[in-house]
PDB file of N, CA and C in Angstrom:
ATOM      1  N   MET A   1     -25.554  60.644   1.046  1.00  0.00           N
ATOM      2  CA  MET A   1     -26.362  59.701   1.783  1.00  0.00           C
ATOM      3  C   MET A   1     -26.566  58.420   0.999  1.00  0.00           C
ATOM      4  N   ALA A   2     -26.739  58.558  -0.316  1.00  0.00           N
ATOM      5  CA  ALA A   2     -26.948  57.386  -1.161  1.00  0.00           C
ATOM      6  C   ALA A   2     -25.698  56.517  -1.176  1.00  0.00           C
ATOM      7  N   ARG A   3     -24.563  57.178  -1.125  1.00  0.00           N
ATOM      8  CA  ARG A   3     -23.299  56.431  -1.113  1.00  0.00           C
ATOM      9  C   ARG A   3     -23.178  55.606   0.173  1.00  0.00           C
ATOM     10  N   LEU A   4     -23.547  56.208   1.290  1.00  0.00           N
ATOM     11  CA  LEU A   4     -23.502  55.494   2.570  1.00  0.00           C
ATOM     12  C   LEU A   4     -24.461  54.306   2.552  1.00  0.00           C
ATOM     13  N   ASN A   5     -25.641  54.476   1.996  1.00  0.00           N
ATOM     14  CA  ASN A   5     -26.597  53.377   1.890  1.00  0.00           C
ATOM     15  C   ASN A   5     -26.052  52.245   1.020  1.00  0.00           C
ATOM     16  N   ALA A   6     -25.391  52.593  -0.078  1.00  0.00           N
ATOM     17  CA  ALA A   6     -24.815  51.579  -0.972  1.00  0.00           C
ATOM     18  C   ALA A   6     -23.714  50.801  -0.251  1.00  0.00           C
ATOM     19  N   ILE A   7     -22.883  51.513   0.506  1.00  0.00           N
ATOM     20  CA  ILE A   7     -21.796  50.850   1.251  1.00  0.00           C
ATOM     21  C   ILE A   7     -22.388  49.928   2.318  1.00  0.00           C
ATOM     22  N   LEU A   8     -23.410  50.400   3.022  1.00  0.00           N
ATOM     23  CA  LEU A   8     -24.047  49.573   4.046  1.00  0.00           C
ATOM     24  C   LEU A   8     -24.722  48.357   3.427  1.00  0.00           C
ATOM     25  N   LEU A   9     -25.333  48.534   2.252  1.00  0.00           N
ATOM     26  CA  LEU A   9     -25.961  47.409   1.553  1.00  0.00           C
ATOM     27  C   LEU A   9     -24.908  46.375   1.156  1.00  0.00           C
ATOM     28  N   LEU A  10     -23.784  46.821   0.627  1.00  0.00           N
ATOM     29  CA  LEU A  10     -22.704  45.895   0.257  1.00  0.00           C
ATOM     30  C   LEU A  10     -22.152  45.169   1.479  1.00  0.00           C
ATOM     31  N   LEU A  11     -22.020  45.883   2.588  1.00  0.00           N
ATOM     32  CA  LEU A  11     -21.547  45.244   3.818  1.00  0.00           C
ATOM     33  C   LEU A  11     -22.553  44.203   4.317  1.00  0.00           C
ATOM     34  N   ALA A  12     -23.830  44.520   4.236  1.00  0.00           N
ATOM     35  CA  ALA A  12     -24.854  43.566   4.665  1.00  0.00           C
ATOM     36  C   ALA A  12     -24.840  42.320   3.784  1.00  0.00           C
ATOM     37  N   ILE A  13     -24.683  42.512   2.470  1.00  0.00           N
ATOM     38  CA  ILE A  13     -24.617  41.366   1.548  1.00  0.00           C
ATOM     39  C   ILE A  13     -23.381  40.524   1.833  1.00  0.00           C
ATOM     40  N   ALA A  14     -22.241  41.174   2.074  1.00  0.00           N
ATOM     41  CA  ALA A  14     -21.003  40.446   2.376  1.00  0.00           C
ATOM     42  C   ALA A  14     -21.160  39.651   3.673  1.00  0.00           C
ATOM     43  N   CYS A  15     -21.773  40.261   4.683  1.00  0.00           N
ATOM     44  CA  CYS A  15     -21.995  39.548   5.952  1.00  0.00           C
ATOM     45  C   CYS A  15     -22.932  38.364   5.749  1.00  0.00           C
ATOM     46  N   ALA A  16     -23.975  38.539   4.969  1.00  0.00           N
ATOM     47  CA  ALA A  16     -24.913  37.447   4.707  1.00  0.00           C
ATOM     48  C   ALA A  16     -24.228  36.305   3.980  1.00  0.00           C
ATOM     49  N   LEU A  17     -23.403  36.631   2.994  1.00  0.00           N
ATOM     50  CA  LEU A  17     -22.656  35.577   2.278  1.00  0.00           C
ATOM     51  C   LEU A  17     -21.686  34.866   3.218  1.00  0.00           C
ATOM     52  N   GLY A  18     -21.071  35.622   4.125  1.00  0.00           N
ATOM     53  CA  GLY A  18     -20.170  35.006   5.102  1.00  0.00           C
ATOM     54  C   GLY A  18     -20.912  34.046   6.022  1.00  0.00           C
ATOM     55  N   VAL A  19     -22.106  34.434   6.451  1.00  0.00           N
ATOM     56  CA  VAL A  19     -22.909  33.566   7.322  1.00  0.00           C
ATOM     57  C   VAL A  19     -23.303  32.294   6.574  1.00  0.00           C
ATOM     58  N   VAL A  20     -23.749  32.433   5.333  1.00  0.00           N
ATOM     59  CA  VAL A  20     -24.153  31.274   4.540  1.00  0.00           C
ATOM     60  C   VAL A  20     -22.965  30.333   4.330  1.00  0.00           C
ATOM     61  N   THR A  21     -21.823  30.890   4.011  1.00  0.00           N
ATOM     62  CA  THR A  21     -20.621  30.079   3.788  1.00  0.00           C
ATOM     63  C   THR A  21     -20.214  29.341   5.067  1.00  0.00           C
ATOM     64  N   SER A  22     -20.222  30.051   6.188  1.00  0.00           N
ATOM     65  CA  SER A  22     -19.811  29.398   7.437  1.00  0.00           C
ATOM     66  C   SER A  22     -20.815  28.325   7.858  1.00  0.00           C
ATOM     67  N   GLN A  23     -22.103  28.549   7.638  1.00  0.00           N
ATOM     68  CA  GLN A  23     -23.094  27.524   7.954  1.00  0.00           C
ATOM     69  C   GLN A  23     -22.925  26.292   7.075  1.00  0.00           C
ATOM     70  N   HIS A  24     -22.624  26.518   5.802  1.00  0.00           N
ATOM     71  CA  HIS A  24     -22.404  25.387   4.897  1.00  0.00           C
ATOM     72  C   HIS A  24     -21.193  24.560   5.341  1.00  0.00           C
ATOM     73  N   LYS A  25     -20.104  25.248   5.694  1.00  0.00           N
ATOM     74  CA  LYS A  25     -18.915  24.538   6.174  1.00  0.00           C
ATOM     75  C   LYS A  25     -19.211  23.773   7.458  1.00  0.00           C
ATOM     76  N   ALA A  26     -19.972  24.395   8.356  1.00  0.00           N
ATOM     77  CA  ALA A  26     -20.307  23.738   9.623  1.00  0.00           C
ATOM     78  C   ALA A  26     -21.138  22.488   9.368  1.00  0.00           C
ATOM     79  N   ARG A  27     -22.075  22.555   8.439  1.00  0.00           N
ATOM     80  CA  ARG A  27     -22.893  21.380   8.131  1.00  0.00           C
ATOM     81  C   ARG A  27     -22.044  20.269   7.519  1.00  0.00           C
ATOM     82  N   LYS A  28     -21.138  20.631   6.620  1.00  0.00           N
ATOM     83  CA  LYS A  28     -20.256  19.615   6.020  1.00  0.00           C
ATOM     84  C   LYS A  28     -19.394  18.947   7.083  1.00  0.00           C
ATOM     85  N   LEU A  29     -18.851  19.744   8.000  1.00  0.00           N
ATOM     86  CA  LEU A  29     -18.021  19.179   9.062  1.00  0.00           C
ATOM     87  C   LEU A  29     -18.839  18.304  10.002  1.00  0.00           C
ATOM     88  N   PHE A  30     -20.082  18.679  10.267  1.00  0.00           N
ATOM     89  CA  PHE A  30     -20.932  17.881  11.135  1.00  0.00           C
ATOM     90  C   PHE A  30     -21.256  16.533  10.495  1.00  0.00           C
ATOM     91  N   VAL A  31     -21.543  16.549   9.200  1.00  0.00           N
ATOM     92  CA  VAL A  31     -21.807  15.296   8.487  1.00  0.00           C
ATOM     93  C   VAL A  31     -20.563  14.414   8.510  1.00  0.00           C
ATOM     94  N   GLU A  32     -19.398  15.019   8.303  1.00  0.00           N
ATOM     95  CA  GLU A  32     -18.145  14.252   8.350  1.00  0.00           C
ATOM     96  C   GLU A  32     -17.909  13.686   9.748  1.00  0.00           C
ATOM     97  N   LEU A  33     -18.213  14.460  10.775  1.00  0.00           N
ATOM     98  CA  LEU A  33     -18.078  13.991  12.157  1.00  0.00           C
ATOM     99  C   LEU A  33     -18.989  12.796  12.414  1.00  0.00           C
ATOM    100  N   GLN A  34     -20.222  12.856  11.946  1.00  0.00           N
ATOM    101  CA  GLN A  34     -21.144  11.736  12.133  1.00  0.00           C
ATOM    102  C   GLN A  34     -20.637  10.480  11.428  1.00  0.00           C
ATOM    103  N   LYS A  35     -20.083  10.637  10.237  1.00  0.00           N
ATOM    104  CA  LYS A  35     -19.535   9.482   9.516  1.00  0.00           C
ATOM    105  C   LYS A  35     -18.374   8.874  10.285  1.00  0.00           C
ATOM    106  N   GLU A  36     -17.505   9.711  10.799  1.00  0.00           N
ATOM    107  CA  GLU A  36     -16.350   9.210  11.550  1.00  0.00           C
ATOM    108  C   GLU A  36     -16.785   8.541  12.851  1.00  0.00           C
ATOM    109  N   GLN A  37     -17.799   9.077  13.509  1.00  0.00           N
ATOM    110  CA  GLN A  37     -18.297   8.447  14.731  1.00  0.00           C
ATOM    111  C   GLN A  37     -18.909   7.081  14.425  1.00  0.00           C
ATOM    112  N   GLU A  38     -19.610   6.973  13.312  1.00  0.00           N
ATOM    113  CA  GLU A  38     -20.180   5.677  12.917  1.00  0.00           C
ATOM    114  C   GLU A  38     -19.061   4.687  12.606  1.00  0.00           C
ATOM    115  N   LEU A  39     -18.022   5.165  11.924  1.00  0.00           N
ATOM    116  CA  LEU A  39     -16.876   4.307  11.623  1.00  0.00           C
ATOM    117  C   LEU A  39     -16.198   3.845  12.912  1.00  0.00           C
ATOM    118  N   ALA A  40     -16.065   4.746  13.875  1.00  0.00           N
ATOM    119  CA  ALA A  40     -15.462   4.382  15.166  1.00  0.00           C
ATOM    120  C   ALA A  40     -16.316   3.335  15.878  1.00  0.00           C
ATOM    121  N   ARG A  41     -17.637   3.486  15.817  1.00  0.00           N
ATOM    122  CA  ARG A  41     -18.526   2.510  16.453  1.00  0.00           C
ATOM    123  C   ARG A  41     -18.379   1.142  15.786  1.00  0.00           C
ATOM    124  N   LEU A  42     -18.300   1.130  14.459  1.00  0.00           N
ATOM    125  CA  LEU A  42     -18.122  -0.141  13.745  1.00  0.00           C
ATOM    126  C   LEU A  42     -16.784  -0.781  14.096  1.00  0.00           C
ATOM    127  N   MET A  43     -15.761   0.031  14.245  1.00  0.00           N
ATOM    128  CA  MET A  43     -14.446  -0.503  14.615  1.00  0.00           C
ATOM    129  C   MET A  43     -14.460  -1.066  16.034  1.00  0.00           C
ATOM    130  N   GLU A  44     -15.203  -0.434  16.938  1.00  0.00           N
ATOM    131  CA  GLU A  44     -15.317  -0.970  18.296  1.00  0.00           C
ATOM    132  C   GLU A  44     -16.023  -2.327  18.284  1.00  0.00           C
ATOM    133  N   VAL A  45     -17.049  -2.456  17.460  1.00  0.00           N
ATOM    134  CA  VAL A  45     -17.753  -3.739  17.346  1.00  0.00           C
ATOM    135  C   VAL A  45     -16.796  -4.793  16.792  1.00  0.00           C
ATOM    136  N   GLU A  46     -16.047  -4.425  15.747  1.00  0.00           N
ATOM    137  CA  GLU A  46     -15.096  -5.376  15.157  1.00  0.00           C
ATOM    138  C   GLU A  46     -14.020  -5.759  16.178  1.00  0.00           C
ATOM    139  N   TRP A  47     -13.556  -4.782  16.971  1.00  0.00           N
ATOM    140  CA  TRP A  47     -12.543  -5.065  17.995  1.00  0.00           C
ATOM    141  C   TRP A  47     -13.066  -6.085  19.004  1.00  0.00           C
ATOM    142  N   GLY A  48     -14.310  -5.920  19.414  1.00  0.00           N
ATOM    143  CA  GLY A  48     -14.911  -6.878  20.344  1.00  0.00           C
ATOM    144  C   GLY A  48     -15.007  -8.264  19.730  1.00  0.00           C
ATOM    145  N   GLN A  49     -15.371  -8.322  18.450  1.00  0.00           N
ATOM    146  CA  GLN A  49     -15.461  -9.618  17.775  1.00  0.00           C
ATOM    147  C   GLN A  49     -14.078 -10.262  17.657  1.00  0.00           C
ATOM    148  N   LEU A  50     -13.073  -9.460  17.365  1.00  0.00           N
ATOM    149  CA  LEU A  50     -11.712 -10.000  17.259  1.00  0.00           C
ATOM    150  C   LEU A  50     -11.202 -10.504  18.608  1.00  0.00           C
ATOM    151  N   GLN A  51     -11.528  -9.791  19.680  1.00  0.00           N
ATOM    152  CA  GLN A  51     -11.116 -10.262  21.007  1.00  0.00           C
ATOM    153  C   GLN A  51     -11.799 -11.586  21.342  1.00  0.00           C
ATOM    154  N   LEU A  52     -13.075 -11.686  20.999  1.00  0.00           N
ATOM    155  CA  LEU A  52     -13.799 -12.930  21.241  1.00  0.00           C
ATOM    156  C   LEU A  52     -13.185 -14.062  20.418  1.00  0.00           C
ATOM    157  N   GLU A  53     -12.861 -13.777  19.164  1.00  0.00           N
ATOM    158  CA  GLU A  53     -12.255 -14.796  18.305  1.00  0.00           C
ATOM    159  C   GLU A  53     -10.895 -15.225  18.846  1.00  0.00           C
ATOM    160  N   GLN A  54     -10.113 -14.246  19.306  1.00  0.00           N
ATOM    161  CA  GLN A  54      -8.794 -14.576  19.857  1.00  0.00           C
ATOM    162  C   GLN A  54      -8.932 -15.455  21.087  1.00  0.00           C
ATOM    163  N   SER A  55      -9.873 -15.131  21.957  1.00  0.00           N
ATOM    164  CA  SER A  55     -10.030 -15.951  23.159  1.00  0.00           C
ATOM    165  C   SER A  55     -10.492 -17.362  22.800  1.00  0.00           C
ATOM    166  N   THR A  56     -11.284 -17.485  21.737  1.00  0.00           N
ATOM    167  CA  THR A  56     -11.724 -18.812  21.297  1.00  0.00           C
ATOM    168  C   THR A  56     -10.543 -19.604  20.749  1.00  0.00           C
ATOM    169  N   TRP A  57      -9.723 -18.972  19.919  1.00  0.00           N
ATOM    170  CA  TRP A  57      -8.579 -19.668  19.325  1.00  0.00           C
ATOM    171  C   TRP A  57      -7.551 -20.069  20.377  1.00  0.00           C
ATOM    172  N   ALA A  58      -7.446 -19.291  21.443  1.00  0.00           N
ATOM    173  CA  ALA A  58      -6.411 -19.542  22.449  1.00  0.00           C
ATOM    174  C   ALA A  58      -6.910 -20.355  23.640  1.00  0.00           C
ATOM    175  N   MET A  59      -8.093 -20.935  23.549  1.00  0.00           N
ATOM    176  CA  MET A  59      -8.600 -21.739  24.661  1.00  0.00           C
ATOM    177  C   MET A  59      -7.653 -22.912  24.918  1.00  0.00           C
ATOM    178  N   PRO A  60      -7.299 -23.134  26.174  1.00  0.00           N
ATOM    179  CA  PRO A  60      -6.362 -24.216  26.486  1.00  0.00           C
ATOM    180  C   PRO A  60      -6.823 -25.581  25.970  1.00  0.00           C
ATOM    181  N   SER A  61      -8.100 -25.861  26.024  1.00  0.00           N
ATOM    182  CA  SER A  61      -8.576 -27.166  25.546  1.00  0.00           C
ATOM    183  C   SER A  61      -8.363 -27.310  24.040  1.00  0.00           C
ATOM    184  N   ARG A  62      -8.547 -26.215  23.299  1.00  0.00           N
ATOM    185  CA  ARG A  62      -8.336 -26.253  21.849  1.00  0.00           C
ATOM    186  C   ARG A  62      -6.850 -26.433  21.526  1.00  0.00           C
ATOM    187  N   VAL A  63      -6.004 -25.689  22.234  1.00  0.00           N
ATOM    188  CA  VAL A  63      -4.560 -25.798  22.016  1.00  0.00           C
ATOM    189  C   VAL A  63      -4.086 -27.216  22.339  1.00  0.00           C
ATOM    190  N   GLU A  64      -4.595 -27.764  23.447  1.00  0.00           N
ATOM    191  CA  GLU A  64      -4.211 -29.125  23.827  1.00  0.00           C
ATOM    192  C   GLU A  64      -4.676 -30.144  22.785  1.00  0.00           C
ATOM    193  N   ALA A  65      -5.878 -29.983  22.268  1.00  0.00           N
ATOM    194  CA  ALA A  65      -6.394 -30.923  21.261  1.00  0.00           C
ATOM    195  C   ALA A  65      -5.564 -30.864  19.984  1.00  0.00           C
ATOM    196  N   ILE A  66      -5.199 -29.668  19.555  1.00  0.00           N
ATOM    197  CA  ILE A  66      -4.373 -29.541  18.348  1.00  0.00           C
ATOM    198  C   ILE A  66      -2.980 -30.111  18.592  1.00  0.00           C
ATOM    199  N   ALA A  67      -2.429 -29.847  19.781  1.00  0.00           N
ATOM    200  CA  ALA A  67      -1.094 -30.363  20.089  1.00  0.00           C
ATOM    201  C   ALA A  67      -1.083 -31.879  20.066  1.00  0.00           C
ATOM    202  N   SER A  68      -2.105 -32.514  20.603  1.00  0.00           N
ATOM    203  CA  SER A  68      -2.111 -33.982  20.635  1.00  0.00           C
ATOM    204  C   SER A  68      -2.470 -34.569  19.265  1.00  0.00           C
ATOM    205  N   ARG A  69      -3.379 -33.942  18.543  1.00  0.00           N
ATOM    206  CA  ARG A  69      -3.840 -34.501  17.273  1.00  0.00           C
ATOM    207  C   ARG A  69      -2.848 -34.229  16.128  1.00  0.00           C
ATOM    208  N   GLN A  70      -2.435 -32.995  15.969  1.00  0.00           N
ATOM    209  CA  GLN A  70      -1.605 -32.643  14.818  1.00  0.00           C
ATOM    210  C   GLN A  70      -0.113 -32.807  15.075  1.00  0.00           C
ATOM    211  N   LEU A  71       0.302 -32.543  16.304  1.00  0.00           N
ATOM    212  CA  LEU A  71       1.738 -32.600  16.610  1.00  0.00           C
ATOM    213  C   LEU A  71       2.129 -33.855  17.378  1.00  0.00           C
ATOM    214  N   GLN A  72       1.145 -34.723  17.636  1.00  0.00           N
ATOM    215  CA  GLN A  72       1.360 -35.954  18.392  1.00  0.00           C
ATOM    216  C   GLN A  72       2.061 -35.680  19.720  1.00  0.00           C
ATOM    217  N   MET A  73       1.713 -34.583  20.368  1.00  0.00           N
ATOM    218  CA  MET A  73       2.266 -34.262  21.684  1.00  0.00           C
ATOM    219  C   MET A  73       1.366 -34.884  22.739  1.00  0.00           C
ATOM    220  N   GLN A  74       1.945 -35.182  23.885  1.00  0.00           N
ATOM    221  CA  GLN A  74       1.158 -35.727  24.973  1.00  0.00           C
ATOM    222  C   GLN A  74       1.721 -35.231  26.293  1.00  0.00           C
ATOM    223  N   LEU A  75       0.884 -35.254  27.309  1.00  0.00           N
ATOM    224  CA  LEU A  75       1.318 -34.823  28.625  1.00  0.00           C
ATOM    225  C   LEU A  75       2.331 -35.817  29.167  1.00  0.00           C
ATOM    226  N   PRO A  76       3.363 -35.340  29.859  1.00  0.00           N
ATOM    227  CA  PRO A  76       4.336 -36.262  30.437  1.00  0.00           C
ATOM    228  C   PRO A  76       3.720 -37.045  31.599  1.00  0.00           C
ATOM    229  N   LYS A  77       4.269 -38.201  31.843  1.00  0.00           N
ATOM    230  CA  LYS A  77       3.800 -39.008  32.966  1.00  0.00           C
ATOM    231  C   LYS A  77       4.194 -38.307  34.259  1.00  0.00           C
ATOM    232  N   SER A  78       3.448 -38.596  35.313  1.00  0.00           N
ATOM    233  CA  SER A  78       3.652 -37.882  36.579  1.00  0.00           C
ATOM    234  C   SER A  78       5.050 -38.107  37.148  1.00  0.00           C
ATOM    235  N   ASP A  79       5.669 -39.256  36.887  1.00  0.00           N
ATOM    236  CA  ASP A  79       7.012 -39.499  37.423  1.00  0.00           C
ATOM    237  C   ASP A  79       8.084 -38.723  36.650  1.00  0.00           C
ATOM    238  N   ARG A  80       7.722 -38.140  35.521  1.00  0.00           N
ATOM    239  CA  ARG A  80       8.685 -37.370  34.720  1.00  0.00           C
ATOM    240  C   ARG A  80       8.570 -35.863  34.968  1.00  0.00           C
ATOM    241  N   ILE A  81       7.610 -35.465  35.779  1.00  0.00           N
ATOM    242  CA  ILE A  81       7.411 -34.044  36.059  1.00  0.00           C
ATOM    243  C   ILE A  81       8.297 -33.645  37.233  1.00  0.00           C
ATOM    244  N   GLN A  82       9.027 -32.563  37.081  1.00  0.00           N
ATOM    245  CA  GLN A  82       9.890 -32.047  38.140  1.00  0.00           C
ATOM    246  C   GLN A  82       9.522 -30.591  38.399  1.00  0.00           C
ATOM    247  N   PHE A  83       9.465 -30.237  39.662  1.00  0.00           N
ATOM    248  CA  PHE A  83       9.172 -28.861  40.053  1.00  0.00           C
ATOM    249  C   PHE A  83      10.480 -28.189  40.424  1.00  0.00           C
ATOM    250  N   VAL A  84      10.693 -27.010  39.926  1.00  0.00           N
ATOM    251  CA  VAL A  84      11.903 -26.248  40.212  1.00  0.00           C
ATOM    252  C   VAL A  84      11.486 -24.994  40.967  1.00  0.00           C
ATOM    253  N   ARG A  85      12.081 -24.815  42.121  1.00  0.00           N
ATOM    254  CA  ARG A  85      11.779 -23.616  42.911  1.00  0.00           C
ATOM    255  C   ARG A  85      12.778 -22.530  42.530  1.00  0.00           C
ATOM    256  N   VAL A  86      12.238 -21.376  42.233  1.00  0.00           N
ATOM    257  CA  VAL A  86      13.075 -20.238  41.892  1.00  0.00           C
ATOM    258  C   VAL A  86      13.064 -19.278  43.078  1.00  0.00           C
ATOM    259  N   PRO A  87      14.234 -18.986  43.630  1.00  0.00           N
ATOM    260  CA  PRO A  87      14.256 -18.079  44.784  1.00  0.00           C
ATOM    261  C   PRO A  87      13.820 -16.671  44.369  1.00  0.00           C
ATOM    262  N   VAL A  88      13.006 -16.092  45.240  1.00  0.00           N
ATOM    263  CA  VAL A  88      12.518 -14.744  44.993  1.00  0.00           C
ATOM    264  C   VAL A  88      13.530 -13.769  45.560  1.00  0.00           C
ATOM    265  N   ALA A  89      13.869 -12.741  44.821  1.00  0.00           N
ATOM    266  CA  ALA A  89      14.853 -11.771  45.262  1.00  0.00           C
ATOM    267  C   ALA A  89      14.395 -11.108  46.559  1.00  0.00           C
ATOM    268  N   GLY A  90      15.255 -11.095  47.560  1.00  0.00           N
ATOM    269  CA  GLY A  90      14.925 -10.452  48.834  1.00  0.00           C
ATOM    270  C   GLY A  90      14.366 -11.422  49.859  1.00  0.00           C
ATOM    271  N   LYS A  91      14.035 -12.646  49.467  1.00  0.00           N
ATOM    272  CA  LYS A  91      13.533 -13.646  50.407  1.00  0.00           C
ATOM    273  C   LYS A  91      14.519 -14.793  50.494  1.00  0.00           C
ATOM    274  N   ASN A  92      14.543 -15.434  51.647  1.00  0.00           N
ATOM    275  CA  ASN A  92      15.422 -16.602  51.815  1.00  0.00           C
ATOM    276  C   ASN A  92      14.651 -17.872  51.670  1.00  0.00           C
TER     277      ASN A  92
END
């Protein structure tokens, strides 16, 4: 009977150690998950800022101002503009 009690005690201790180990791993993984979620949130904020910056840099008025100021480009006169019609496939 004493032998059975000793075996049951060892099994209970092993199970308790297994529970403690698995809880510790779960907590570590949860902390890592929270860090990654925070990093993802920061990246989403940065992505939004980059999109805003890109739209600012690509504004037609800004591009036109740089083209005229730095590259000495100018709009053609109205008599020099020609419209070319491109036929659409399937239409006459």
